[in-house]
Every structure is written in structure tokens, then in C-alpha cells.
Protein backbone atom coordinates (compact mmCIF):
# COMPACT_ATOMS: atom_id res chain seq x y z
CA MET A 1 -52.62 -2.03 33.46
CA HIS A 2 -49.07 -3.71 34.10
CA SER A 3 -47.64 -3.20 37.40
CA THR A 4 -44.98 -0.54 36.48
CA GLU A 5 -47.09 1.22 34.77
CA LYS A 6 -49.90 1.09 37.25
CA ARG A 7 -46.75 2.06 39.83
CA TYR A 8 -45.60 5.18 37.72
CA LYS A 9 -49.36 6.60 38.38
CA GLN A 10 -49.38 5.97 41.67
CA ILE A 11 -45.59 7.57 42.32
CA ILE A 12 -47.47 10.62 39.86
CA SER A 13 -50.55 10.63 42.05
CA LEU A 14 -48.33 11.43 45.56
CA LEU A 15 -45.83 13.89 44.04
CA THR A 16 -49.07 15.62 42.93
CA GLN A 17 -50.51 15.60 46.07
CA TYR A 18 -47.30 16.96 48.24
CA LEU A 19 -46.97 19.66 45.30
CA GLN A 20 -50.64 21.37 45.58
CA ALA A 21 -49.66 21.36 49.77
CA ILE A 22 -46.94 23.75 49.16
CA GLN A 23 -48.19 27.57 49.20
CA LEU A 24 -46.96 29.55 46.67
CA PRO A 25 -47.17 33.09 45.69
CA ARG A 26 -49.94 33.75 43.26
CA GLY A 27 -49.74 35.41 39.75
CA PHE A 28 -47.49 32.70 37.77
CA GLY A 29 -48.52 29.94 35.44
CA GLY A 30 -46.47 26.89 33.49
CA ASP A 31 -45.77 23.54 33.13
CA LEU A 32 -43.41 21.56 35.23
CA VAL A 33 -41.59 18.68 33.85
CA PHE A 34 -39.90 16.06 36.11
CA GLU A 35 -37.47 12.81 35.52
CA PHE A 36 -37.71 9.96 37.93
CA GLN A 37 -35.35 7.06 38.16
CA VAL A 38 -37.09 4.21 39.70
CA SER A 39 -35.64 1.02 40.65
CA GLN A 40 -37.69 -2.32 42.19
CA GLY A 41 -40.99 0.16 42.70
CA ARG A 42 -39.41 2.89 44.29
CA VAL A 43 -38.01 6.21 43.86
CA ARG A 44 -34.60 6.26 43.47
CA GLN A 45 -34.39 10.03 42.42
CA LEU A 46 -36.16 13.05 41.35
CA VAL A 47 -35.13 15.61 39.06
CA LEU A 48 -36.80 19.10 38.19
CA ASP A 49 -36.17 20.01 34.74
CA GLU A 50 -35.95 23.54 34.39
CA GLN A 51 -34.68 23.50 31.00
CA ALA A 52 -37.96 21.36 29.95
CA SER A 53 -40.30 23.14 32.30
CA PHE A 54 -42.69 26.52 31.16
CA LEU A 55 -42.15 28.13 34.45
CA LYS A 56 -39.60 30.49 34.68
CA GLU A 57 -40.52 32.46 38.08
CA GLN A 58 -37.03 31.51 39.48
CA THR A 59 -38.60 31.91 43.06
CA VAL A 60 -41.01 29.74 42.61
CA MET A 61 -38.99 27.14 40.77
CA GLN A 62 -36.92 27.54 44.44
CA LEU A 63 -39.72 27.25 46.27
CA ILE A 64 -40.88 24.02 44.64
CA ARG A 65 -37.08 22.38 44.60
CA ARG A 66 -36.64 22.75 48.39
CA SER A 67 -40.05 21.14 48.73
CA LEU A 68 -38.99 18.49 46.64
CA LEU A 69 -35.84 17.97 49.01
CA ALA A 70 -38.33 16.71 51.89
CA TRP A 71 -40.31 14.49 49.82
CA LEU A 72 -40.57 10.72 50.09
CA PRO A 73 -43.65 8.86 48.71
CA GLU A 74 -45.93 6.84 51.38
CA GLU A 75 -44.34 3.70 51.58
CA THR A 76 -40.25 5.08 51.60
CA ARG A 77 -41.24 7.00 54.89
């Protein structure tokens, strides 16, 4: 596996763990699409693409968006 691909998988794993810890309301479902900007192995920007996502519950989207503002991969803390 190429080191860049390995790094992307690591970032996705860290983000997945972070998002799983968020307390979300019940009764909704959908897919979220994220876009990463990575430079020299570090996340420079993370964007929740609301147009491409299949979760339209605005309350949940706002909660996730606010939570993402506080997210940093472990090695950048």
C-alpha cells in the first residue's frame, strides 16, 4: 500500500472514531460526503459536502458541522 493511501485511511479512521462519539438524535439516516485537503500528510481543511450528502436533516447536519470545528487528528494536537 502506498504511504499516501495509508495516510488517507488513517485520517478516515480517526474521523470515523470522532464522529461515532457524537451524540445524535435517533430516527434519521443517510450518507455524508466529506472532502479533505491534505498537505504533507496533514489535514489542512475538512469540508462536509452538503450537496453530495444524502442526509438532509438540518438539525443533525448543524450538530455534525459544529462538531467538526473541534476535530483535529491525534498527531496535530
